[in-house]
ModelCIF file with pLDDT and N, C-alpha, C, O atoms, coordinates in Angstrom:
data_MODEL
#
_entry.id   MODEL 
#
_entity.id                         1 
_entity.type                       polymer 
_entity.pdbx_number_of_molecules   1 
#
_entity_poly.entity_id                      1 
_entity_poly.type                           'polypeptide(L)' 
_entity_poly.nstd_linkage                   no 
_entity_poly.nstd_monomer                   no 
_entity_poly.pdbx_seq_one_letter_code       LLDARDGYTPTPAVSRAILAHNAEGAGAGAGRRAD 
_entity_poly.pdbx_seq_one_letter_code_can   LLDARDGYTPTPAVSRAILAHNAEGAGAGAGRRAD 
_entity_poly.pdbx_strand_id                 A 
#
loop_
_entity_poly_seq.entity_id 
_entity_poly_seq.num 
_entity_poly_seq.mon_id 
_entity_poly_seq.hetero 
1 1  LEU n 
1 2  LEU n 
1 3  ASP n 
1 4  ALA n 
1 5  ARG n 
1 6  ASP n 
1 7  GLY n 
1 8  TYR n 
1 9  THR n 
1 10 PRO n 
1 11 THR n 
1 12 PRO n 
1 13 ALA n 
1 14 VAL n 
1 15 SER n 
1 16 ARG n 
1 17 ALA n 
1 18 ILE n 
1 19 LEU n 
1 20 ALA n 
1 21 HIS n 
1 22 ASN n 
1 23 ALA n 
1 24 GLU n 
1 25 GLY n 
1 26 ALA n 
1 27 GLY n 
1 28 ALA n 
1 29 GLY n 
1 30 ALA n 
1 31 GLY n 
1 32 ARG n 
1 33 ARG n 
1 34 ALA n 
1 35 ASP n 
#
_struct_asym.id          A 
_struct_asym.entity_id   1 
#
loop_
_ma_qa_metric.id 
_ma_qa_metric.mode 
_ma_qa_metric.name 
_ma_qa_metric.software_group_id 
_ma_qa_metric.type 
1 global pLDDT . pLDDT 
2 local  pLDDT . pLDDT 
#
_ma_qa_metric_global.metric_id      1 
_ma_qa_metric_global.metric_value   87.63 
_ma_qa_metric_global.model_id       1 
_ma_qa_metric_global.ordinal_id     1 
#
loop_
_ma_qa_metric_local.label_asym_id 
_ma_qa_metric_local.label_comp_id 
_ma_qa_metric_local.label_seq_id 
_ma_qa_metric_local.metric_id 
_ma_qa_metric_local.metric_value 
_ma_qa_metric_local.model_id 
_ma_qa_metric_local.ordinal_id 
A LEU 1  2 98.00 1 1  
A LEU 2  2 98.00 1 2  
A ASP 3  2 98.00 1 3  
A ALA 4  2 98.00 1 4  
A ARG 5  2 97.00 1 5  
A ASP 6  2 97.00 1 6  
A GLY 7  2 97.00 1 7  
A TYR 8  2 98.00 1 8  
A THR 9  2 98.00 1 9  
A PRO 10 2 97.00 1 10 
A THR 11 2 97.00 1 11 
A PRO 12 2 97.00 1 12 
A ALA 13 2 98.00 1 13 
A VAL 14 2 98.00 1 14 
A SER 15 2 98.00 1 15 
A ARG 16 2 97.00 1 16 
A ALA 17 2 98.00 1 17 
A ILE 18 2 98.00 1 18 
A LEU 19 2 97.00 1 19 
A ALA 20 2 96.00 1 20 
A HIS 21 2 96.00 1 21 
A ASN 22 2 96.00 1 22 
A ALA 23 2 94.00 1 23 
A GLU 24 2 80.00 1 24 
A GLY 25 2 69.00 1 25 
A ALA 26 2 54.00 1 26 
A GLY 27 2 45.00 1 27 
A ALA 28 2 45.00 1 28 
A GLY 29 2 41.00 1 29 
A ALA 30 2 49.00 1 30 
A GLY 31 2 66.00 1 31 
A ARG 32 2 91.00 1 32 
A ARG 33 2 96.00 1 33 
A ALA 34 2 97.00 1 34 
A ASP 35 2 98.00 1 35 
#
loop_
_atom_site.group_PDB 
_atom_site.id 
_atom_site.type_symbol 
_atom_site.label_atom_id 
_atom_site.label_alt_id 
_atom_site.label_comp_id 
_atom_site.label_asym_id 
_atom_site.label_entity_id 
_atom_site.label_seq_id 
_atom_site.pdbx_PDB_ins_code 
_atom_site.Cartn_x 
_atom_site.Cartn_y 
_atom_site.Cartn_z 
_atom_site.occupancy 
_atom_site.B_iso_or_equiv 
_atom_site.pdbx_formal_charge 
_atom_site.auth_seq_id 
_atom_site.auth_comp_id 
_atom_site.auth_asym_id 
_atom_site.auth_atom_id 
_atom_site.pdbx_PDB_model_num 
ATOM 1   N N  . LEU A 1 1  ? 136.252 97.054 85.145 1.00 98.00 ? 1  LEU A N  1 
ATOM 2   C CA . LEU A 1 1  ? 136.493 95.932 86.319 1.00 98.00 ? 1  LEU A CA 1 
ATOM 3   C C  . LEU A 1 1  ? 137.622 95.554 85.838 1.00 98.00 ? 1  LEU A C  1 
ATOM 4   O O  . LEU A 1 1  ? 137.601 95.095 84.696 1.00 98.00 ? 1  LEU A O  1 
ATOM 5   N N  . LEU A 1 2  ? 138.963 95.639 86.584 1.00 98.00 ? 2  LEU A N  1 
ATOM 6   C CA . LEU A 1 2  ? 140.217 94.963 86.658 1.00 98.00 ? 2  LEU A CA 1 
ATOM 7   C C  . LEU A 1 2  ? 140.069 94.244 87.785 1.00 98.00 ? 2  LEU A C  1 
ATOM 8   O O  . LEU A 1 2  ? 139.178 94.439 88.612 1.00 98.00 ? 2  LEU A O  1 
ATOM 9   N N  . ASP A 1 3  ? 141.133 93.197 87.870 1.00 98.00 ? 3  ASP A N  1 
ATOM 10  C CA . ASP A 1 3  ? 141.423 92.283 88.696 1.00 98.00 ? 3  ASP A CA 1 
ATOM 11  C C  . ASP A 1 3  ? 142.089 92.362 90.186 1.00 98.00 ? 3  ASP A C  1 
ATOM 12  O O  . ASP A 1 3  ? 143.295 92.469 90.408 1.00 98.00 ? 3  ASP A O  1 
ATOM 13  N N  . ALA A 1 4  ? 140.967 92.281 91.232 1.00 98.00 ? 4  ALA A N  1 
ATOM 14  C CA . ALA A 1 4  ? 140.846 92.899 92.399 1.00 98.00 ? 4  ALA A CA 1 
ATOM 15  C C  . ALA A 1 4  ? 142.313 92.403 93.227 1.00 98.00 ? 4  ALA A C  1 
ATOM 16  O O  . ALA A 1 4  ? 142.647 92.797 94.345 1.00 98.00 ? 4  ALA A O  1 
ATOM 17  N N  . ARG A 1 5  ? 143.026 91.498 92.410 1.00 97.00 ? 5  ARG A N  1 
ATOM 18  C CA . ARG A 1 5  ? 144.359 91.339 93.078 1.00 97.00 ? 5  ARG A CA 1 
ATOM 19  C C  . ARG A 1 5  ? 145.525 91.371 92.460 1.00 97.00 ? 5  ARG A C  1 
ATOM 20  O O  . ARG A 1 5  ? 146.470 90.674 92.829 1.00 97.00 ? 5  ARG A O  1 
ATOM 21  N N  . ASP A 1 6  ? 145.574 92.096 91.564 1.00 97.00 ? 6  ASP A N  1 
ATOM 22  C CA . ASP A 1 6  ? 146.469 92.638 90.799 1.00 97.00 ? 6  ASP A CA 1 
ATOM 23  C C  . ASP A 1 6  ? 146.991 91.367 89.894 1.00 97.00 ? 6  ASP A C  1 
ATOM 24  O O  . ASP A 1 6  ? 148.128 91.297 89.426 1.00 97.00 ? 6  ASP A O  1 
ATOM 25  N N  . GLY A 1 7  ? 146.156 90.561 89.759 1.00 97.00 ? 7  GLY A N  1 
ATOM 26  C CA . GLY A 1 7  ? 147.126 89.630 88.946 1.00 97.00 ? 7  GLY A CA 1 
ATOM 27  C C  . GLY A 1 7  ? 146.838 89.244 87.609 1.00 97.00 ? 7  GLY A C  1 
ATOM 28  O O  . GLY A 1 7  ? 146.133 90.096 87.069 1.00 97.00 ? 7  GLY A O  1 
ATOM 29  N N  . TYR A 1 8  ? 147.111 88.290 86.871 1.00 98.00 ? 8  TYR A N  1 
ATOM 30  C CA . TYR A 1 8  ? 146.963 88.127 85.713 1.00 98.00 ? 8  TYR A CA 1 
ATOM 31  C C  . TYR A 1 8  ? 145.761 87.299 85.078 1.00 98.00 ? 8  TYR A C  1 
ATOM 32  O O  . TYR A 1 8  ? 145.721 86.125 85.444 1.00 98.00 ? 8  TYR A O  1 
ATOM 33  N N  . THR A 1 9  ? 145.097 87.577 84.480 1.00 98.00 ? 9  THR A N  1 
ATOM 34  C CA . THR A 1 9  ? 143.805 86.653 84.189 1.00 98.00 ? 9  THR A CA 1 
ATOM 35  C C  . THR A 1 9  ? 143.319 86.002 82.826 1.00 98.00 ? 9  THR A C  1 
ATOM 36  O O  . THR A 1 9  ? 142.889 86.700 81.908 1.00 98.00 ? 9  THR A O  1 
ATOM 37  N N  . PRO A 1 10 ? 143.398 84.875 82.765 1.00 97.00 ? 10 PRO A N  1 
ATOM 38  C CA . PRO A 1 10 ? 142.733 84.286 81.681 1.00 97.00 ? 10 PRO A CA 1 
ATOM 39  C C  . PRO A 1 10 ? 141.910 84.439 80.977 1.00 97.00 ? 10 PRO A C  1 
ATOM 40  O O  . PRO A 1 10 ? 140.859 84.504 81.615 1.00 97.00 ? 10 PRO A O  1 
ATOM 41  N N  . THR A 1 11 ? 141.678 84.599 79.425 1.00 97.00 ? 11 THR A N  1 
ATOM 42  C CA . THR A 1 11 ? 140.668 84.455 78.920 1.00 97.00 ? 11 THR A CA 1 
ATOM 43  C C  . THR A 1 11 ? 138.978 84.081 79.573 1.00 97.00 ? 11 THR A C  1 
ATOM 44  O O  . THR A 1 11 ? 137.996 84.806 79.735 1.00 97.00 ? 11 THR A O  1 
ATOM 45  N N  . PRO A 1 12 ? 139.267 82.320 79.884 1.00 97.00 ? 12 PRO A N  1 
ATOM 46  C CA . PRO A 1 12 ? 138.207 81.985 80.480 1.00 97.00 ? 12 PRO A CA 1 
ATOM 47  C C  . PRO A 1 12 ? 137.519 82.343 81.881 1.00 97.00 ? 12 PRO A C  1 
ATOM 48  O O  . PRO A 1 12 ? 136.555 81.817 82.438 1.00 97.00 ? 12 PRO A O  1 
ATOM 49  N N  . ALA A 1 13 ? 138.389 83.484 82.289 1.00 98.00 ? 13 ALA A N  1 
ATOM 50  C CA . ALA A 1 13 ? 137.977 83.680 83.521 1.00 98.00 ? 13 ALA A CA 1 
ATOM 51  C C  . ALA A 1 13 ? 136.935 85.339 82.869 1.00 98.00 ? 13 ALA A C  1 
ATOM 52  O O  . ALA A 1 13 ? 135.915 85.884 83.294 1.00 98.00 ? 13 ALA A O  1 
ATOM 53  N N  . VAL A 1 14 ? 137.474 85.510 82.192 1.00 98.00 ? 14 VAL A N  1 
ATOM 54  C CA . VAL A 1 14 ? 137.029 87.119 81.475 1.00 98.00 ? 14 VAL A CA 1 
ATOM 55  C C  . VAL A 1 14 ? 135.175 86.540 81.208 1.00 98.00 ? 14 VAL A C  1 
ATOM 56  O O  . VAL A 1 14 ? 134.115 86.868 81.740 1.00 98.00 ? 14 VAL A O  1 
ATOM 57  N N  . SER A 1 15 ? 135.664 85.247 79.777 1.00 98.00 ? 15 SER A N  1 
ATOM 58  C CA . SER A 1 15 ? 134.067 85.129 79.457 1.00 98.00 ? 15 SER A CA 1 
ATOM 59  C C  . SER A 1 15 ? 133.521 84.759 80.548 1.00 98.00 ? 15 SER A C  1 
ATOM 60  O O  . SER A 1 15 ? 132.480 85.408 80.648 1.00 98.00 ? 15 SER A O  1 
ATOM 61  N N  . ARG A 1 16 ? 133.673 83.912 81.634 1.00 97.00 ? 16 ARG A N  1 
ATOM 62  C CA . ARG A 1 16 ? 132.780 83.572 82.651 1.00 97.00 ? 16 ARG A CA 1 
ATOM 63  C C  . ARG A 1 16 ? 132.148 84.650 83.567 1.00 97.00 ? 16 ARG A C  1 
ATOM 64  O O  . ARG A 1 16 ? 131.040 84.541 84.092 1.00 97.00 ? 16 ARG A O  1 
ATOM 65  N N  . ALA A 1 17 ? 132.898 85.591 83.681 1.00 98.00 ? 17 ALA A N  1 
ATOM 66  C CA . ALA A 1 17 ? 132.339 86.679 84.277 1.00 98.00 ? 17 ALA A CA 1 
ATOM 67  C C  . ALA A 1 17 ? 131.592 87.456 83.522 1.00 98.00 ? 17 ALA A C  1 
ATOM 68  O O  . ALA A 1 17 ? 130.965 88.091 84.369 1.00 98.00 ? 17 ALA A O  1 
ATOM 69  N N  . ILE A 1 18 ? 131.123 87.953 82.141 1.00 98.00 ? 18 ILE A N  1 
ATOM 70  C CA . ILE A 1 18 ? 130.868 88.360 81.277 1.00 98.00 ? 18 ILE A CA 1 
ATOM 71  C C  . ILE A 1 18 ? 129.355 87.740 81.319 1.00 98.00 ? 18 ILE A C  1 
ATOM 72  O O  . ILE A 1 18 ? 128.317 88.331 81.618 1.00 98.00 ? 18 ILE A O  1 
ATOM 73  N N  . LEU A 1 19 ? 129.523 86.465 80.958 1.00 97.00 ? 19 LEU A N  1 
ATOM 74  C CA . LEU A 1 19 ? 128.408 85.378 80.775 1.00 97.00 ? 19 LEU A CA 1 
ATOM 75  C C  . LEU A 1 19 ? 127.632 85.659 82.332 1.00 97.00 ? 19 LEU A C  1 
ATOM 76  O O  . LEU A 1 19 ? 126.449 85.929 82.542 1.00 97.00 ? 19 LEU A O  1 
ATOM 77  N N  . ALA A 1 20 ? 128.607 85.513 83.181 1.00 96.00 ? 20 ALA A N  1 
ATOM 78  C CA . ALA A 1 20 ? 128.013 85.502 84.639 1.00 96.00 ? 20 ALA A CA 1 
ATOM 79  C C  . ALA A 1 20 ? 126.789 87.045 84.854 1.00 96.00 ? 20 ALA A C  1 
ATOM 80  O O  . ALA A 1 20 ? 125.580 87.002 85.082 1.00 96.00 ? 20 ALA A O  1 
ATOM 81  N N  . HIS A 1 21 ? 127.431 87.923 84.726 1.00 96.00 ? 21 HIS A N  1 
ATOM 82  C CA . HIS A 1 21 ? 126.697 89.441 84.673 1.00 96.00 ? 21 HIS A CA 1 
ATOM 83  C C  . HIS A 1 21 ? 125.221 89.446 83.757 1.00 96.00 ? 21 HIS A C  1 
ATOM 84  O O  . HIS A 1 21 ? 124.060 89.664 84.102 1.00 96.00 ? 21 HIS A O  1 
ATOM 85  N N  . ASN A 1 22 ? 125.753 89.147 82.616 1.00 96.00 ? 22 ASN A N  1 
ATOM 86  C CA . ASN A 1 22 ? 124.446 89.243 81.789 1.00 96.00 ? 22 ASN A CA 1 
ATOM 87  C C  . ASN A 1 22 ? 123.659 87.952 81.844 1.00 96.00 ? 22 ASN A C  1 
ATOM 88  O O  . ASN A 1 22 ? 122.879 87.768 80.910 1.00 96.00 ? 22 ASN A O  1 
ATOM 89  N N  . ALA A 1 23 ? 123.730 87.110 82.701 1.00 94.00 ? 23 ALA A N  1 
ATOM 90  C CA . ALA A 1 23 ? 122.624 86.550 82.798 1.00 94.00 ? 23 ALA A CA 1 
ATOM 91  C C  . ALA A 1 23 ? 121.791 86.600 84.225 1.00 94.00 ? 23 ALA A C  1 
ATOM 92  O O  . ALA A 1 23 ? 120.612 86.276 84.373 1.00 94.00 ? 23 ALA A O  1 
ATOM 93  N N  . GLU A 1 24 ? 122.639 87.056 85.171 1.00 80.00 ? 24 GLU A N  1 
ATOM 94  C CA . GLU A 1 24 ? 121.904 87.938 86.238 1.00 80.00 ? 24 GLU A CA 1 
ATOM 95  C C  . GLU A 1 24 ? 121.190 89.087 85.759 1.00 80.00 ? 24 GLU A C  1 
ATOM 96  O O  . GLU A 1 24 ? 120.195 89.467 86.378 1.00 80.00 ? 24 GLU A O  1 
ATOM 97  N N  . GLY A 1 25 ? 121.566 89.659 84.770 1.00 69.00 ? 25 GLY A N  1 
ATOM 98  C CA . GLY A 1 25 ? 121.010 91.052 84.628 1.00 69.00 ? 25 GLY A CA 1 
ATOM 99  C C  . GLY A 1 25 ? 119.836 90.793 83.852 1.00 69.00 ? 25 GLY A C  1 
ATOM 100 O O  . GLY A 1 25 ? 118.845 91.523 83.832 1.00 69.00 ? 25 GLY A O  1 
ATOM 101 N N  . ALA A 1 26 ? 120.036 89.340 82.979 1.00 54.00 ? 26 ALA A N  1 
ATOM 102 C CA . ALA A 1 26 ? 118.762 88.795 82.487 1.00 54.00 ? 26 ALA A CA 1 
ATOM 103 C C  . ALA A 1 26 ? 117.547 88.600 83.029 1.00 54.00 ? 26 ALA A C  1 
ATOM 104 O O  . ALA A 1 26 ? 116.481 88.850 82.467 1.00 54.00 ? 26 ALA A O  1 
ATOM 105 N N  . GLY A 1 27 ? 117.735 87.992 84.517 1.00 45.00 ? 27 GLY A N  1 
ATOM 106 C CA . GLY A 1 27 ? 117.379 87.503 85.250 1.00 45.00 ? 27 GLY A CA 1 
ATOM 107 C C  . GLY A 1 27 ? 116.394 88.301 86.101 1.00 45.00 ? 27 GLY A C  1 
ATOM 108 O O  . GLY A 1 27 ? 115.230 87.962 86.317 1.00 45.00 ? 27 GLY A O  1 
ATOM 109 N N  . ALA A 1 28 ? 116.924 89.270 86.505 1.00 45.00 ? 28 ALA A N  1 
ATOM 110 C CA . ALA A 1 28 ? 116.551 90.503 87.015 1.00 45.00 ? 28 ALA A CA 1 
ATOM 111 C C  . ALA A 1 28 ? 115.802 91.406 86.096 1.00 45.00 ? 28 ALA A C  1 
ATOM 112 O O  . ALA A 1 28 ? 115.260 92.426 86.521 1.00 45.00 ? 28 ALA A O  1 
ATOM 113 N N  . GLY A 1 29 ? 115.759 91.027 84.763 1.00 41.00 ? 29 GLY A N  1 
ATOM 114 C CA . GLY A 1 29 ? 114.990 91.885 83.952 1.00 41.00 ? 29 GLY A CA 1 
ATOM 115 C C  . GLY A 1 29 ? 115.489 93.187 83.392 1.00 41.00 ? 29 GLY A C  1 
ATOM 116 O O  . GLY A 1 29 ? 115.116 93.757 82.367 1.00 41.00 ? 29 GLY A O  1 
ATOM 117 N N  . ALA A 1 30 ? 116.572 93.616 84.420 1.00 49.00 ? 30 ALA A N  1 
ATOM 118 C CA . ALA A 1 30 ? 116.657 95.289 84.001 1.00 49.00 ? 30 ALA A CA 1 
ATOM 119 C C  . ALA A 1 30 ? 118.181 95.063 83.999 1.00 49.00 ? 30 ALA A C  1 
ATOM 120 O O  . ALA A 1 30 ? 118.719 95.619 84.957 1.00 49.00 ? 30 ALA A O  1 
ATOM 121 N N  . GLY A 1 31 ? 119.111 94.331 83.102 1.00 66.00 ? 31 GLY A N  1 
ATOM 122 C CA . GLY A 1 31 ? 120.234 94.098 83.393 1.00 66.00 ? 31 GLY A CA 1 
ATOM 123 C C  . GLY A 1 31 ? 121.175 95.046 82.196 1.00 66.00 ? 31 GLY A C  1 
ATOM 124 O O  . GLY A 1 31 ? 120.863 94.817 81.028 1.00 66.00 ? 31 GLY A O  1 
ATOM 125 N N  . ARG A 1 32 ? 122.278 96.068 82.423 1.00 91.00 ? 32 ARG A N  1 
ATOM 126 C CA . ARG A 1 32 ? 122.726 96.516 81.227 1.00 91.00 ? 32 ARG A CA 1 
ATOM 127 C C  . ARG A 1 32 ? 123.866 95.666 81.116 1.00 91.00 ? 32 ARG A C  1 
ATOM 128 O O  . ARG A 1 32 ? 124.441 95.344 82.156 1.00 91.00 ? 32 ARG A O  1 
ATOM 129 N N  . ARG A 1 33 ? 124.381 95.152 79.749 1.00 96.00 ? 33 ARG A N  1 
ATOM 130 C CA . ARG A 1 33 ? 125.054 94.371 79.110 1.00 96.00 ? 33 ARG A CA 1 
ATOM 131 C C  . ARG A 1 33 ? 126.544 94.549 79.200 1.00 96.00 ? 33 ARG A C  1 
ATOM 132 O O  . ARG A 1 33 ? 126.987 95.569 78.672 1.00 96.00 ? 33 ARG A O  1 
ATOM 133 N N  . ALA A 1 34 ? 127.467 93.658 79.831 1.00 97.00 ? 34 ALA A N  1 
ATOM 134 C CA . ALA A 1 34 ? 128.741 93.529 80.024 1.00 97.00 ? 34 ALA A CA 1 
ATOM 135 C C  . ALA A 1 34 ? 129.717 93.003 78.800 1.00 97.00 ? 34 ALA A C  1 
ATOM 136 O O  . ALA A 1 34 ? 129.082 92.355 77.968 1.00 97.00 ? 34 ALA A O  1 
ATOM 137 N N  . ASP A 1 35 ? 130.275 93.059 78.686 1.00 98.00 ? 35 ASP A N  1 
ATOM 138 C CA . ASP A 1 35 ? 131.520 92.553 77.230 1.00 98.00 ? 35 ASP A CA 1 
ATOM 139 C C  . ASP A 1 35 ? 132.840 92.889 78.220 1.00 98.00 ? 35 ASP A C  1 
ATOM 140 O O  . ASP A 1 35 ? 133.985 92.738 77.794 1.00 98.00 ? 35 ASP A O  1 
#
């Protein structure tokens, strides 16, 4: 997954995206882990 705006991406934005995806996956019980 690349930046939708073709912009620059700070490290915290990548970290937050990983955590949000994995939290949602855990909640659904069948998520695939992101990195």
